[in-house]
Structure formats: C-alpha cells, structure tokens
Amino acid sequence: MKKCLSIIGVVIIILTTITLSGCQEEGATIEKNFEDIYFDSDVLELINASLDIGEKHGVIKKVEVTFYFKNLLDKDITYLRLAIEFCDINNFVLYNHSYEYLSGFPAGYIEKSPNRISYSEANVAYFDHVKINIDEYIIAD
C-alpha cells in the first residue's frame, strides 16, 4: 500500500513539474508591454498605454487605445509613421490605422500629450488586442 502511494505521489510531482514548466516557456515567447497592447522597437519606447473598451449588453461597441512614446535615439526623428492594428483573437487585423508624426521627435523626447486612436467600425465586437508597429521613420543627419 505504501509503495502504491509513493508511486502515485511521484507521478503527480512529475506531471505537475512538466505542466508548470510548459506554462513558463509559453509565456516567455510573447512580449507584452501593456495588457493587450503589443509593441516592439529599438527606436521608441512605449512608456504608457491603455485600452478603453466600450461595451453595450456585453458586446464590444468601441475600442480606444491611448499611448505615449519616448525617443530612444541620440538623434532627432524627423518623420515617423505608425500602423495601429486592432486584431481579433486569431491575430486577424480587424482595423488598421496609419498615424503620422509630422512635427518630429527630438532626441530623448518623452511625449506629454496622449495619442488616441478609436475603432468602432464593423467587426469591433471581435476585438482582442492592439499591435502598434513602426512603418517608417527618418533620422536627422
């Protein structure tokens, strides 16, 4: 009886270890700077971001993303174009918005005013996350 309980205990410990180690590996493959907002860049740092999700009767009717950046470079960025993608759970882009900074981004600059992009078009009910990508940038000489 003791031998049977010992074997069951060892099996439970092994299964628990395998299960927990698998979760750690899966979590390490996805970079999230802020909840449900994905961004990765060597040029800008996303210093603050948030989502405002408007629902009616449990159905998403509007999503607004607010974000602030910091210039990570020692040079001015004279032009910057972003793509803000509102995606569903399968990473399918529901809505893509292009956002341009026409006034430039000085070296080390931290934004004081928020950038806000809203989405309330067709299929907004399927919204899951936002991806912010740098499409193009120009650095001053």
N, C-alpha and C. Protein backbone atom coordinates (compact mmCIF):
# COMPACT_ATOMS: atom_id res chain seq x y z
N MET A 1 0.82 -1.19 0.00
CA MET A 1 0.00 0.00 0.00
C MET A 1 0.87 1.26 0.00
N LYS A 2 1.92 1.27 0.85
CA LYS A 2 2.81 2.42 0.91
C LYS A 2 3.54 2.61 -0.42
N LYS A 3 3.92 1.47 -1.04
CA LYS A 3 4.63 1.54 -2.32
C LYS A 3 3.72 2.14 -3.40
N CYS A 4 2.46 1.79 -3.42
CA CYS A 4 1.48 2.31 -4.39
C CYS A 4 1.28 3.81 -4.19
N LEU A 5 1.16 4.26 -2.94
CA LEU A 5 1.00 5.68 -2.65
C LEU A 5 2.26 6.46 -3.03
N SER A 6 3.42 5.88 -2.83
CA SER A 6 4.67 6.54 -3.20
C SER A 6 4.76 6.73 -4.72
N ILE A 7 4.38 5.71 -5.47
CA ILE A 7 4.40 5.79 -6.94
C ILE A 7 3.43 6.85 -7.42
N ILE A 8 2.24 6.89 -6.86
CA ILE A 8 1.24 7.90 -7.25
C ILE A 8 1.77 9.30 -6.93
N GLY A 9 2.39 9.46 -5.78
CA GLY A 9 2.97 10.75 -5.39
C GLY A 9 4.04 11.21 -6.36
N VAL A 10 4.93 10.30 -6.76
CA VAL A 10 6.00 10.64 -7.71
C VAL A 10 5.40 11.03 -9.06
N VAL A 11 4.41 10.30 -9.53
CA VAL A 11 3.75 10.60 -10.81
C VAL A 11 3.11 11.98 -10.75
N ILE A 12 2.46 12.31 -9.67
CA ILE A 12 1.81 13.63 -9.52
C ILE A 12 2.86 14.74 -9.55
N ILE A 13 3.98 14.53 -8.87
CA ILE A 13 5.04 15.54 -8.85
C ILE A 13 5.63 15.73 -10.25
N ILE A 14 5.86 14.65 -10.96
CA ILE A 14 6.42 14.74 -12.32
C ILE A 14 5.44 15.46 -13.26
N LEU A 15 4.17 15.10 -13.20
CA LEU A 15 3.17 15.74 -14.07
C LEU A 15 3.04 17.23 -13.75
N THR A 16 3.07 17.59 -12.49
CA THR A 16 2.98 18.99 -12.09
C THR A 16 4.18 19.77 -12.60
N THR A 17 5.37 19.20 -12.48
CA THR A 17 6.59 19.86 -12.95
C THR A 17 6.54 20.07 -14.46
N ILE A 18 6.13 19.07 -15.20
CA ILE A 18 6.04 19.19 -16.67
C ILE A 18 5.01 20.25 -17.05
N THR A 19 3.87 20.24 -16.41
CA THR A 19 2.81 21.20 -16.71
C THR A 19 3.27 22.63 -16.43
N LEU A 20 3.87 22.87 -15.28
CA LEU A 20 4.30 24.22 -14.92
C LEU A 20 5.45 24.71 -15.79
N SER A 21 6.36 23.84 -16.14
CA SER A 21 7.47 24.28 -16.99
C SER A 21 6.97 24.63 -18.38
N GLY A 22 5.96 23.96 -18.88
CA GLY A 22 5.38 24.29 -20.18
C GLY A 22 4.74 25.66 -20.16
N CYS A 23 4.08 26.05 -19.09
CA CYS A 23 3.47 27.37 -18.99
C CYS A 23 4.52 28.47 -19.01
N GLN A 24 5.63 28.25 -18.36
CA GLN A 24 6.68 29.25 -18.32
C GLN A 24 7.25 29.47 -19.71
N GLU A 25 7.46 28.42 -20.45
CA GLU A 25 8.02 28.56 -21.80
C GLU A 25 7.06 29.31 -22.70
N GLU A 26 5.78 28.99 -22.63
CA GLU A 26 4.80 29.64 -23.50
C GLU A 26 4.71 31.13 -23.19
N GLY A 27 4.73 31.51 -21.92
CA GLY A 27 4.65 32.91 -21.54
C GLY A 27 5.86 33.70 -21.99
N ALA A 28 7.00 33.08 -22.11
CA ALA A 28 8.22 33.79 -22.46
C ALA A 28 8.29 34.13 -23.95
N THR A 29 7.46 33.51 -24.77
CA THR A 29 7.54 33.75 -26.20
C THR A 29 6.77 35.00 -26.63
N ILE A 30 5.92 35.52 -25.80
CA ILE A 30 5.10 36.68 -26.15
C ILE A 30 5.54 37.87 -25.31
N GLU A 31 5.89 38.98 -25.97
CA GLU A 31 6.27 40.18 -25.26
C GLU A 31 5.06 41.09 -25.17
N LYS A 32 4.67 41.44 -23.96
CA LYS A 32 3.58 42.37 -23.74
C LYS A 32 4.12 43.53 -22.93
N ASN A 33 4.03 44.73 -23.48
CA ASN A 33 4.44 45.90 -22.72
C ASN A 33 3.31 46.36 -21.81
N PHE A 34 2.12 46.31 -22.30
CA PHE A 34 0.93 46.67 -21.54
C PHE A 34 -0.15 45.66 -21.91
N GLU A 35 -1.10 45.46 -21.02
CA GLU A 35 -2.10 44.42 -21.24
C GLU A 35 -2.85 44.63 -22.56
N ASP A 36 -2.78 43.63 -23.42
CA ASP A 36 -3.45 43.59 -24.71
C ASP A 36 -2.97 44.65 -25.70
N ILE A 37 -1.79 45.23 -25.45
CA ILE A 37 -1.17 46.19 -26.37
C ILE A 37 0.25 45.70 -26.64
N TYR A 38 0.55 45.39 -27.89
CA TYR A 38 1.85 44.83 -28.26
C TYR A 38 2.67 45.87 -29.03
N PHE A 39 3.94 46.01 -28.65
CA PHE A 39 4.83 46.95 -29.32
C PHE A 39 6.26 46.50 -29.10
N ASP A 40 7.08 46.57 -30.15
CA ASP A 40 8.48 46.21 -30.04
C ASP A 40 9.27 47.12 -30.96
N SER A 41 10.28 47.81 -30.41
CA SER A 41 11.05 48.75 -31.23
C SER A 41 12.39 49.05 -30.56
N ASP A 42 13.39 49.35 -31.39
CA ASP A 42 14.68 49.84 -30.90
C ASP A 42 14.76 51.36 -31.02
N VAL A 43 13.75 51.97 -31.60
CA VAL A 43 13.73 53.40 -31.87
C VAL A 43 12.92 54.14 -30.81
N LEU A 44 11.77 53.60 -30.47
CA LEU A 44 10.88 54.21 -29.49
C LEU A 44 10.62 53.26 -28.34
N GLU A 45 10.31 53.84 -27.19
CA GLU A 45 9.87 53.06 -26.04
C GLU A 45 8.42 53.45 -25.76
N LEU A 46 7.57 52.47 -25.59
CA LEU A 46 6.19 52.71 -25.21
C LEU A 46 6.19 52.90 -23.70
N ILE A 47 6.04 54.14 -23.25
CA ILE A 47 6.17 54.40 -21.81
C ILE A 47 4.85 54.32 -21.06
N ASN A 48 3.76 54.46 -21.78
CA ASN A 48 2.45 54.31 -21.14
C ASN A 48 1.43 54.01 -22.23
N ALA A 49 0.50 53.13 -21.93
CA ALA A 49 -0.54 52.78 -22.89
C ALA A 49 -1.73 52.19 -22.14
N SER A 50 -2.91 52.38 -22.71
CA SER A 50 -4.11 51.81 -22.10
C SER A 50 -5.19 51.62 -23.16
N LEU A 51 -6.12 50.75 -22.84
CA LEU A 51 -7.27 50.50 -23.70
C LEU A 51 -8.54 50.89 -22.97
N ASP A 52 -9.44 51.53 -23.68
CA ASP A 52 -10.77 51.83 -23.16
C ASP A 52 -11.74 51.08 -24.06
N ILE A 53 -12.40 50.08 -23.50
CA ILE A 53 -13.30 49.23 -24.28
C ILE A 53 -14.74 49.54 -23.86
N GLY A 54 -15.50 50.08 -24.81
CA GLY A 54 -16.90 50.40 -24.55
C GLY A 54 -17.80 49.24 -24.96
N GLU A 55 -18.59 48.79 -24.01
CA GLU A 55 -19.50 47.67 -24.27
C GLU A 55 -20.95 48.09 -24.05
N LYS A 56 -21.84 47.41 -24.76
CA LYS A 56 -23.27 47.57 -24.55
C LYS A 56 -23.89 46.19 -24.55
N HIS A 57 -24.51 45.83 -23.45
CA HIS A 57 -25.11 44.50 -23.27
C HIS A 57 -24.08 43.39 -23.47
N GLY A 58 -22.84 43.63 -23.00
CA GLY A 58 -21.78 42.62 -23.07
C GLY A 58 -21.11 42.48 -24.43
N VAL A 59 -21.46 43.36 -25.37
CA VAL A 59 -20.86 43.31 -26.71
C VAL A 59 -20.00 44.56 -26.91
N ILE A 60 -18.77 44.37 -27.40
CA ILE A 60 -17.87 45.50 -27.63
C ILE A 60 -18.42 46.36 -28.76
N LYS A 61 -18.55 47.66 -28.49
CA LYS A 61 -19.05 48.61 -29.49
C LYS A 61 -17.98 49.61 -29.93
N LYS A 62 -16.97 49.84 -29.05
CA LYS A 62 -15.93 50.82 -29.36
C LYS A 62 -14.68 50.47 -28.56
N VAL A 63 -13.51 50.66 -29.21
CA VAL A 63 -12.22 50.46 -28.55
C VAL A 63 -11.39 51.70 -28.81
N GLU A 64 -10.76 52.22 -27.76
CA GLU A 64 -9.85 53.35 -27.91
C GLU A 64 -8.52 53.01 -27.25
N VAL A 65 -7.43 53.17 -27.99
CA VAL A 65 -6.09 52.94 -27.45
C VAL A 65 -5.45 54.31 -27.24
N THR A 66 -4.83 54.48 -26.08
CA THR A 66 -4.11 55.70 -25.74
C THR A 66 -2.67 55.31 -25.46
N PHE A 67 -1.71 56.07 -26.02
CA PHE A 67 -0.31 55.69 -25.83
C PHE A 67 0.61 56.91 -25.86
N TYR A 68 1.77 56.76 -25.21
CA TYR A 68 2.82 57.76 -25.14
C TYR A 68 4.15 57.08 -25.47
N PHE A 69 5.02 57.79 -26.19
CA PHE A 69 6.33 57.25 -26.55
C PHE A 69 7.46 58.10 -26.01
N LYS A 70 8.64 57.48 -25.99
CA LYS A 70 9.90 58.16 -25.71
C LYS A 70 10.86 57.81 -26.85
N ASN A 71 11.58 58.82 -27.36
CA ASN A 71 12.60 58.60 -28.38
C ASN A 71 13.81 58.00 -27.70
N LEU A 72 14.22 56.81 -28.10
CA LEU A 72 15.36 56.11 -27.50
C LEU A 72 16.69 56.49 -28.15
N LEU A 73 16.64 57.20 -29.26
CA LEU A 73 17.85 57.52 -30.01
C LEU A 73 18.53 58.79 -29.50
N ASP A 74 19.81 58.94 -29.84
CA ASP A 74 20.55 60.16 -29.53
C ASP A 74 20.40 61.19 -30.64
N LYS A 75 19.55 60.90 -31.60
CA LYS A 75 19.30 61.80 -32.74
C LYS A 75 17.80 62.07 -32.84
N ASP A 76 17.51 63.18 -33.52
CA ASP A 76 16.11 63.54 -33.76
C ASP A 76 15.50 62.61 -34.80
N ILE A 77 14.26 62.25 -34.58
CA ILE A 77 13.47 61.54 -35.59
C ILE A 77 12.64 62.63 -36.27
N THR A 78 12.90 62.87 -37.56
CA THR A 78 12.21 63.96 -38.26
C THR A 78 10.87 63.53 -38.83
N TYR A 79 10.68 62.23 -39.00
CA TYR A 79 9.41 61.73 -39.53
C TYR A 79 9.18 60.33 -38.96
N LEU A 80 7.92 60.07 -38.61
CA LEU A 80 7.56 58.77 -38.04
C LEU A 80 6.15 58.42 -38.47
N ARG A 81 5.99 57.20 -38.99
CA ARG A 81 4.65 56.70 -39.35
C ARG A 81 4.44 55.37 -38.65
N LEU A 82 3.32 55.27 -37.95
CA LEU A 82 2.94 54.06 -37.23
C LEU A 82 1.75 53.40 -37.89
N ALA A 83 1.65 52.10 -37.67
CA ALA A 83 0.43 51.35 -38.02
C ALA A 83 -0.15 50.82 -36.72
N ILE A 84 -1.37 51.20 -36.44
CA ILE A 84 -2.07 50.71 -35.25
C ILE A 84 -3.08 49.69 -35.74
N GLU A 85 -2.90 48.44 -35.32
CA GLU A 85 -3.75 47.35 -35.79
C GLU A 85 -4.61 46.82 -34.65
N PHE A 86 -5.91 46.84 -34.84
CA PHE A 86 -6.87 46.28 -33.90
C PHE A 86 -7.15 44.86 -34.39
N CYS A 87 -6.84 43.86 -33.57
CA CYS A 87 -6.88 42.47 -34.01
C CYS A 87 -7.87 41.63 -33.20
N ASP A 88 -8.28 40.50 -33.80
CA ASP A 88 -9.11 39.54 -33.07
C ASP A 88 -8.21 38.51 -32.39
N ILE A 89 -8.80 37.53 -31.78
CA ILE A 89 -8.06 36.53 -31.00
C ILE A 89 -7.12 35.70 -31.88
N ASN A 90 -7.41 35.60 -33.18
CA ASN A 90 -6.56 34.84 -34.11
C ASN A 90 -5.50 35.71 -34.78
N ASN A 91 -5.33 36.94 -34.29
CA ASN A 91 -4.35 37.89 -34.81
C ASN A 91 -4.73 38.43 -36.20
N PHE A 92 -6.00 38.25 -36.59
CA PHE A 92 -6.50 38.81 -37.84
C PHE A 92 -6.76 40.31 -37.63
N VAL A 93 -6.29 41.15 -38.54
CA VAL A 93 -6.45 42.59 -38.40
C VAL A 93 -7.88 42.99 -38.77
N LEU A 94 -8.60 43.53 -37.78
CA LEU A 94 -9.97 43.99 -37.98
C LEU A 94 -9.99 45.41 -38.53
N TYR A 95 -9.02 46.22 -38.09
CA TYR A 95 -8.95 47.62 -38.49
C TYR A 95 -7.51 48.08 -38.38
N ASN A 96 -7.04 48.77 -39.41
CA ASN A 96 -5.66 49.25 -39.45
C ASN A 96 -5.70 50.76 -39.63
N HIS A 97 -5.01 51.47 -38.73
CA HIS A 97 -4.98 52.92 -38.79
C HIS A 97 -3.54 53.39 -38.91
N SER A 98 -3.27 54.24 -39.89
CA SER A 98 -1.94 54.81 -40.06
C SER A 98 -1.88 56.14 -39.30
N TYR A 99 -0.80 56.35 -38.54
CA TYR A 99 -0.67 57.54 -37.71
C TYR A 99 0.70 58.16 -37.97
N GLU A 100 0.71 59.45 -38.36
CA GLU A 100 1.96 60.12 -38.70
C GLU A 100 2.31 61.22 -37.69
N TYR A 101 3.59 61.29 -37.35
CA TYR A 101 4.13 62.39 -36.57
C TYR A 101 4.82 63.31 -37.57
N LEU A 102 4.21 64.43 -37.87
CA LEU A 102 4.75 65.33 -38.87
C LEU A 102 5.73 66.34 -38.27
N SER A 103 5.61 66.61 -36.97
CA SER A 103 6.45 67.63 -36.34
C SER A 103 7.78 67.08 -35.84
N GLY A 104 7.98 65.79 -35.92
CA GLY A 104 9.24 65.20 -35.50
C GLY A 104 9.27 64.80 -34.03
N PHE A 105 10.38 64.19 -33.66
CA PHE A 105 10.56 63.63 -32.34
C PHE A 105 12.01 63.91 -31.92
N PRO A 106 12.27 64.95 -31.11
CA PRO A 106 13.65 65.26 -30.71
C PRO A 106 14.31 64.11 -29.94
N ALA A 107 15.63 64.08 -29.94
CA ALA A 107 16.39 63.05 -29.21
C ALA A 107 15.98 63.03 -27.74
N GLY A 108 15.68 61.85 -27.22
CA GLY A 108 15.30 61.68 -25.82
C GLY A 108 13.93 62.22 -25.44
N TYR A 109 13.18 62.71 -26.40
CA TYR A 109 11.88 63.33 -26.13
C TYR A 109 10.88 62.33 -25.56
N ILE A 110 10.14 62.78 -24.55
CA ILE A 110 9.05 61.99 -23.96
C ILE A 110 7.75 62.75 -24.21
N GLU A 111 6.79 62.08 -24.80
CA GLU A 111 5.51 62.72 -25.11
C GLU A 111 4.77 63.11 -23.84
N LYS A 112 4.18 64.29 -23.87
CA LYS A 112 3.36 64.78 -22.75
C LYS A 112 1.88 64.67 -23.06
N SER A 113 1.54 64.76 -24.35
CA SER A 113 0.14 64.65 -24.79
C SER A 113 -0.13 63.25 -25.31
N PRO A 114 -1.30 62.71 -24.99
CA PRO A 114 -1.59 61.35 -25.42
C PRO A 114 -1.94 61.25 -26.90
N ASN A 115 -1.64 60.12 -27.47
CA ASN A 115 -2.10 59.74 -28.80
C ASN A 115 -3.31 58.84 -28.57
N ARG A 116 -4.40 59.15 -29.24
CA ARG A 116 -5.63 58.35 -29.08
C ARG A 116 -6.15 57.94 -30.45
N ILE A 117 -6.39 56.64 -30.57
CA ILE A 117 -6.94 56.09 -31.81
C ILE A 117 -8.17 55.27 -31.41
N SER A 118 -9.29 55.54 -32.08
CA SER A 118 -10.55 54.82 -31.79
C SER A 118 -10.94 53.92 -32.93
N TYR A 119 -11.64 52.87 -32.58
CA TYR A 119 -12.16 51.91 -33.57
C TYR A 119 -13.57 51.53 -33.15
N SER A 120 -14.53 51.79 -34.04
CA SER A 120 -15.92 51.43 -33.75
C SER A 120 -16.63 50.95 -35.01
N GLU A 121 -15.84 50.49 -35.96
CA GLU A 121 -16.38 50.04 -37.25
C GLU A 121 -16.89 48.60 -37.15
N ALA A 122 -17.17 48.03 -38.32
CA ALA A 122 -17.65 46.65 -38.41
C ALA A 122 -16.66 45.69 -37.74
N ASN A 123 -17.17 44.66 -37.16
CA ASN A 123 -16.41 43.58 -36.51
C ASN A 123 -15.71 43.98 -35.22
N VAL A 124 -15.98 45.18 -34.69
CA VAL A 124 -15.34 45.60 -33.44
C VAL A 124 -15.68 44.63 -32.29
N ALA A 125 -16.80 43.95 -32.38
CA ALA A 125 -17.20 43.00 -31.33
C ALA A 125 -16.20 41.86 -31.17
N TYR A 126 -15.39 41.60 -32.20
CA TYR A 126 -14.41 40.51 -32.15
C TYR A 126 -13.04 40.96 -31.65
N PHE A 127 -12.93 42.22 -31.24
CA PHE A 127 -11.65 42.77 -30.80
C PHE A 127 -11.04 41.97 -29.65
N ASP A 128 -9.68 41.79 -29.73
CA ASP A 128 -8.94 41.11 -28.67
C ASP A 128 -7.71 41.89 -28.21
N HIS A 129 -6.93 42.48 -29.15
CA HIS A 129 -5.70 43.17 -28.79
C HIS A 129 -5.30 44.18 -29.86
N VAL A 130 -4.33 45.04 -29.49
CA VAL A 130 -3.81 46.06 -30.40
C VAL A 130 -2.33 45.81 -30.62
N LYS A 131 -1.89 45.97 -31.88
CA LYS A 131 -0.47 45.93 -32.20
C LYS A 131 -0.09 47.30 -32.76
N ILE A 132 0.98 47.87 -32.22
CA ILE A 132 1.49 49.14 -32.72
C ILE A 132 2.83 48.84 -33.38
N ASN A 133 2.95 49.18 -34.66
CA ASN A 133 4.16 48.91 -35.43
C ASN A 133 4.70 50.19 -36.04
N ILE A 134 6.02 50.30 -36.12
CA ILE A 134 6.63 51.43 -36.82
C ILE A 134 6.73 51.04 -38.29
N ASP A 135 6.03 51.79 -39.15
CA ASP A 135 6.06 51.54 -40.58
C ASP A 135 7.28 52.18 -41.23
N GLU A 136 7.57 53.41 -40.81
CA GLU A 136 8.66 54.16 -41.44
C GLU A 136 9.12 55.26 -40.49
N TYR A 137 10.43 55.54 -40.51
CA TYR A 137 10.95 56.68 -39.77
C TYR A 137 12.19 57.22 -40.47
N ILE A 138 12.43 58.52 -40.24
CA ILE A 138 13.60 59.17 -40.81
C ILE A 138 14.35 59.85 -39.67
N ILE A 139 15.67 59.60 -39.60
CA ILE A 139 16.51 60.17 -38.56
C ILE A 139 17.29 61.34 -39.13
N ALA A 140 17.39 62.42 -38.36
CA ALA A 140 18.15 63.60 -38.79
C ALA A 140 19.62 63.28 -38.91
N ASP A 141 20.28 63.93 -39.86
CA ASP A 141 21.73 63.74 -40.05
C ASP A 141 22.54 64.42 -38.97
